[in-house]
Amino acid sequence: MPKESPDELKERATRTAIEARQDPAASHGAIKRIAGRLGVHPEGLRTWVARGEIDDGHRPGVRTDEAARIAELDREKP
């Protein structure tokens, strides 16, 4: 079985953690449990989940695509 790319692992871990947090029976300790199972650091996964929730509109903040566009506009300034 081919090894997952870092982006695939990040996406799968984030999706799994978000789904687990929606289930009241599985939400407590979900990030730590999933991070351990997938071999990623819990704080890294927590950051990915927060970013995913912002990008999906479930948490307030600047979406990834908006942040990239703002950074691009800042670089264009003279």
N, C-alpha and C. Protein backbone atom coordinates (compact mmCIF):
# COMPACT_ATOMS: atom_id res chain seq x y z
N MET A 1 0.84 -1.18 0.00
CA MET A 1 0.00 0.00 0.00
C MET A 1 0.89 1.24 0.00
N PRO A 2 0.68 2.17 -0.94
CA PRO A 2 1.52 3.37 -0.99
C PRO A 2 1.28 4.27 0.22
N LYS A 3 2.34 4.91 0.65
CA LYS A 3 2.25 5.82 1.79
C LYS A 3 1.52 7.09 1.38
N GLU A 4 0.69 7.61 2.31
CA GLU A 4 -0.05 8.84 2.03
C GLU A 4 0.91 10.02 1.92
N SER A 5 0.54 10.96 1.06
CA SER A 5 1.31 12.20 1.01
C SER A 5 0.96 13.02 2.24
N PRO A 6 1.80 13.97 2.61
CA PRO A 6 1.49 14.82 3.76
C PRO A 6 0.15 15.54 3.63
N ASP A 7 -0.19 15.98 2.42
CA ASP A 7 -1.47 16.66 2.21
C ASP A 7 -2.65 15.71 2.41
N GLU A 8 -2.50 14.47 1.92
CA GLU A 8 -3.57 13.48 2.10
C GLU A 8 -3.75 13.13 3.57
N LEU A 9 -2.64 12.97 4.28
CA LEU A 9 -2.70 12.67 5.70
C LEU A 9 -3.36 13.81 6.47
N LYS A 10 -2.96 15.03 6.14
CA LYS A 10 -3.53 16.21 6.80
C LYS A 10 -5.03 16.29 6.57
N GLU A 11 -5.46 16.07 5.33
CA GLU A 11 -6.88 16.13 4.99
C GLU A 11 -7.66 15.03 5.73
N ARG A 12 -7.13 13.81 5.72
CA ARG A 12 -7.83 12.69 6.37
C ARG A 12 -7.90 12.89 7.88
N ALA A 13 -6.80 13.32 8.48
CA ALA A 13 -6.77 13.55 9.93
C ALA A 13 -7.75 14.65 10.31
N THR A 14 -7.77 15.73 9.55
CA THR A 14 -8.67 16.85 9.83
C THR A 14 -10.12 16.42 9.71
N ARG A 15 -10.45 15.74 8.63
CA ARG A 15 -11.83 15.29 8.40
C ARG A 15 -12.27 14.33 9.51
N THR A 16 -11.40 13.39 9.88
CA THR A 16 -11.72 12.42 10.93
C THR A 16 -11.95 13.11 12.26
N ALA A 17 -11.10 14.07 12.60
CA ALA A 17 -11.23 14.78 13.88
C ALA A 17 -12.49 15.64 13.92
N ILE A 18 -12.81 16.31 12.84
CA ILE A 18 -14.02 17.14 12.80
C ILE A 18 -15.25 16.26 12.96
N GLU A 19 -15.28 15.13 12.28
CA GLU A 19 -16.41 14.21 12.40
C GLU A 19 -16.52 13.66 13.82
N ALA A 20 -15.40 13.30 14.42
CA ALA A 20 -15.42 12.74 15.78
C ALA A 20 -15.89 13.78 16.79
N ARG A 21 -15.51 15.03 16.59
CA ARG A 21 -15.92 16.08 17.53
C ARG A 21 -17.41 16.37 17.45
N GLN A 22 -18.07 16.01 16.35
CA GLN A 22 -19.51 16.22 16.22
C GLN A 22 -20.31 15.16 16.96
N ASP A 23 -19.69 14.03 17.28
CA ASP A 23 -20.35 12.95 18.00
C ASP A 23 -20.09 13.12 19.49
N PRO A 24 -21.12 13.45 20.28
CA PRO A 24 -20.90 13.69 21.72
C PRO A 24 -20.23 12.52 22.43
N ALA A 25 -20.49 11.30 22.00
CA ALA A 25 -19.90 10.14 22.65
C ALA A 25 -18.41 10.00 22.36
N ALA A 26 -17.95 10.55 21.24
CA ALA A 26 -16.56 10.39 20.84
C ALA A 26 -15.77 11.70 20.89
N SER A 27 -16.41 12.80 21.26
CA SER A 27 -15.75 14.10 21.14
C SER A 27 -14.66 14.32 22.19
N HIS A 28 -14.86 13.82 23.40
CA HIS A 28 -13.87 14.05 24.45
C HIS A 28 -12.56 13.32 24.12
N GLY A 29 -11.49 14.07 23.96
CA GLY A 29 -10.18 13.50 23.66
C GLY A 29 -10.00 13.05 22.23
N ALA A 30 -10.91 13.46 21.35
CA ALA A 30 -10.86 13.00 19.96
C ALA A 30 -9.57 13.40 19.26
N ILE A 31 -9.14 14.63 19.44
CA ILE A 31 -7.95 15.09 18.73
C ILE A 31 -6.71 14.31 19.18
N LYS A 32 -6.55 14.16 20.46
CA LYS A 32 -5.38 13.42 20.97
C LYS A 32 -5.41 11.97 20.51
N ARG A 33 -6.58 11.35 20.55
CA ARG A 33 -6.73 9.95 20.15
C ARG A 33 -6.43 9.77 18.66
N ILE A 34 -6.99 10.64 17.82
CA ILE A 34 -6.80 10.52 16.38
C ILE A 34 -5.36 10.85 16.00
N ALA A 35 -4.79 11.87 16.64
CA ALA A 35 -3.40 12.23 16.36
C ALA A 35 -2.47 11.07 16.68
N GLY A 36 -2.69 10.41 17.80
CA GLY A 36 -1.86 9.26 18.17
C GLY A 36 -1.99 8.12 17.18
N ARG A 37 -3.21 7.88 16.74
CA ARG A 37 -3.46 6.79 15.79
C ARG A 37 -2.79 7.05 14.44
N LEU A 38 -2.75 8.33 14.03
CA LEU A 38 -2.20 8.66 12.71
C LEU A 38 -0.74 9.10 12.75
N GLY A 39 -0.19 9.22 13.95
CA GLY A 39 1.22 9.58 14.07
C GLY A 39 1.52 11.04 13.82
N VAL A 40 0.57 11.92 14.19
CA VAL A 40 0.82 13.36 14.07
C VAL A 40 0.74 13.97 15.46
N HIS A 41 1.31 15.16 15.62
CA HIS A 41 1.30 15.83 16.91
C HIS A 41 -0.11 16.38 17.18
N PRO A 42 -0.64 16.19 18.39
CA PRO A 42 -1.99 16.67 18.70
C PRO A 42 -2.19 18.17 18.46
N GLU A 43 -1.19 18.98 18.78
CA GLU A 43 -1.35 20.43 18.57
C GLU A 43 -1.37 20.76 17.08
N GLY A 44 -0.63 20.02 16.29
CA GLY A 44 -0.69 20.21 14.84
C GLY A 44 -2.07 19.89 14.30
N LEU A 45 -2.62 18.76 14.76
CA LEU A 45 -3.96 18.38 14.34
C LEU A 45 -4.99 19.40 14.82
N ARG A 46 -4.83 19.89 16.04
CA ARG A 46 -5.76 20.90 16.56
C ARG A 46 -5.75 22.15 15.67
N THR A 47 -4.57 22.54 15.20
CA THR A 47 -4.44 23.69 14.31
C THR A 47 -5.12 23.41 12.97
N TRP A 48 -4.90 22.21 12.43
CA TRP A 48 -5.53 21.83 11.16
C TRP A 48 -7.05 21.85 11.28
N VAL A 49 -7.57 21.35 12.41
CA VAL A 49 -9.01 21.31 12.62
C VAL A 49 -9.56 22.74 12.69
N ALA A 50 -8.89 23.61 13.43
CA ALA A 50 -9.34 25.00 13.53
C ALA A 50 -9.37 25.64 12.14
N ARG A 51 -8.32 25.43 11.35
CA ARG A 51 -8.26 25.99 10.00
C ARG A 51 -9.38 25.41 9.14
N GLY A 52 -9.64 24.12 9.24
CA GLY A 52 -10.71 23.49 8.48
C GLY A 52 -12.07 24.04 8.85
N GLU A 53 -12.29 24.26 10.14
CA GLU A 53 -13.57 24.83 10.59
C GLU A 53 -13.75 26.27 10.11
N ILE A 54 -12.67 27.03 10.08
CA ILE A 54 -12.74 28.40 9.55
C ILE A 54 -13.04 28.37 8.06
N ASP A 55 -12.31 27.52 7.33
CA ASP A 55 -12.51 27.43 5.88
C ASP A 55 -13.91 26.95 5.52
N ASP A 56 -14.52 26.12 6.37
CA ASP A 56 -15.87 25.61 6.12
C ASP A 56 -16.95 26.55 6.63
N GLY A 57 -16.56 27.64 7.31
CA GLY A 57 -17.52 28.61 7.80
C GLY A 57 -18.16 28.25 9.13
N HIS A 58 -17.58 27.27 9.84
CA HIS A 58 -18.12 26.85 11.13
C HIS A 58 -17.47 27.57 12.30
N ARG A 59 -16.46 28.38 12.02
CA ARG A 59 -15.75 29.12 13.06
C ARG A 59 -15.35 30.46 12.44
N PRO A 60 -15.44 31.55 13.22
CA PRO A 60 -15.06 32.85 12.65
C PRO A 60 -13.56 32.93 12.39
N GLY A 61 -13.21 33.67 11.35
CA GLY A 61 -11.81 33.87 11.02
C GLY A 61 -11.65 34.11 9.53
N VAL A 62 -10.42 34.33 9.12
CA VAL A 62 -10.11 34.58 7.71
C VAL A 62 -9.81 33.26 7.03
N ARG A 63 -10.58 32.95 5.99
CA ARG A 63 -10.38 31.69 5.26
C ARG A 63 -9.01 31.67 4.59
N THR A 64 -8.51 30.49 4.34
CA THR A 64 -7.19 30.30 3.74
C THR A 64 -7.08 31.01 2.40
N ASP A 65 -8.09 30.88 1.55
CA ASP A 65 -8.03 31.52 0.24
C ASP A 65 -8.04 33.05 0.36
N GLU A 66 -8.79 33.57 1.33
CA GLU A 66 -8.80 35.03 1.55
C GLU A 66 -7.44 35.50 2.06
N ALA A 67 -6.83 34.76 2.98
CA ALA A 67 -5.52 35.13 3.51
C ALA A 67 -4.47 35.13 2.41
N ALA A 68 -4.54 34.15 1.52
CA ALA A 68 -3.59 34.09 0.41
C ALA A 68 -3.77 35.29 -0.52
N ARG A 69 -5.01 35.65 -0.77
CA ARG A 69 -5.28 36.80 -1.66
C ARG A 69 -4.80 38.10 -1.01
N ILE A 70 -5.02 38.27 0.28
CA ILE A 70 -4.56 39.46 1.00
C ILE A 70 -3.04 39.54 0.95
N ALA A 71 -2.37 38.42 1.16
CA ALA A 71 -0.90 38.40 1.11
C ALA A 71 -0.42 38.76 -0.29
N GLU A 72 -1.10 38.25 -1.30
CA GLU A 72 -0.73 38.56 -2.68
C GLU A 72 -0.89 40.07 -2.96
N LEU A 73 -1.97 40.65 -2.49
CA LEU A 73 -2.18 42.07 -2.70
C LEU A 73 -1.13 42.90 -1.94
N ASP A 74 -0.76 42.45 -0.75
CA ASP A 74 0.28 43.16 0.01
C ASP A 74 1.62 43.13 -0.73
N ARG A 75 1.93 42.02 -1.38
CA ARG A 75 3.21 41.92 -2.12
C ARG A 75 3.21 42.83 -3.35
N GLU A 76 2.03 43.12 -3.90
CA GLU A 76 1.94 43.95 -5.10
C GLU A 76 2.09 45.44 -4.78
N LYS A 77 1.94 45.83 -3.54
CA LYS A 77 2.07 47.24 -3.19
C LYS A 77 3.48 47.74 -3.45
N PRO A 78 3.58 48.99 -3.96
CA PRO A 78 4.93 49.53 -4.25
C PRO A 78 5.69 49.87 -3.00
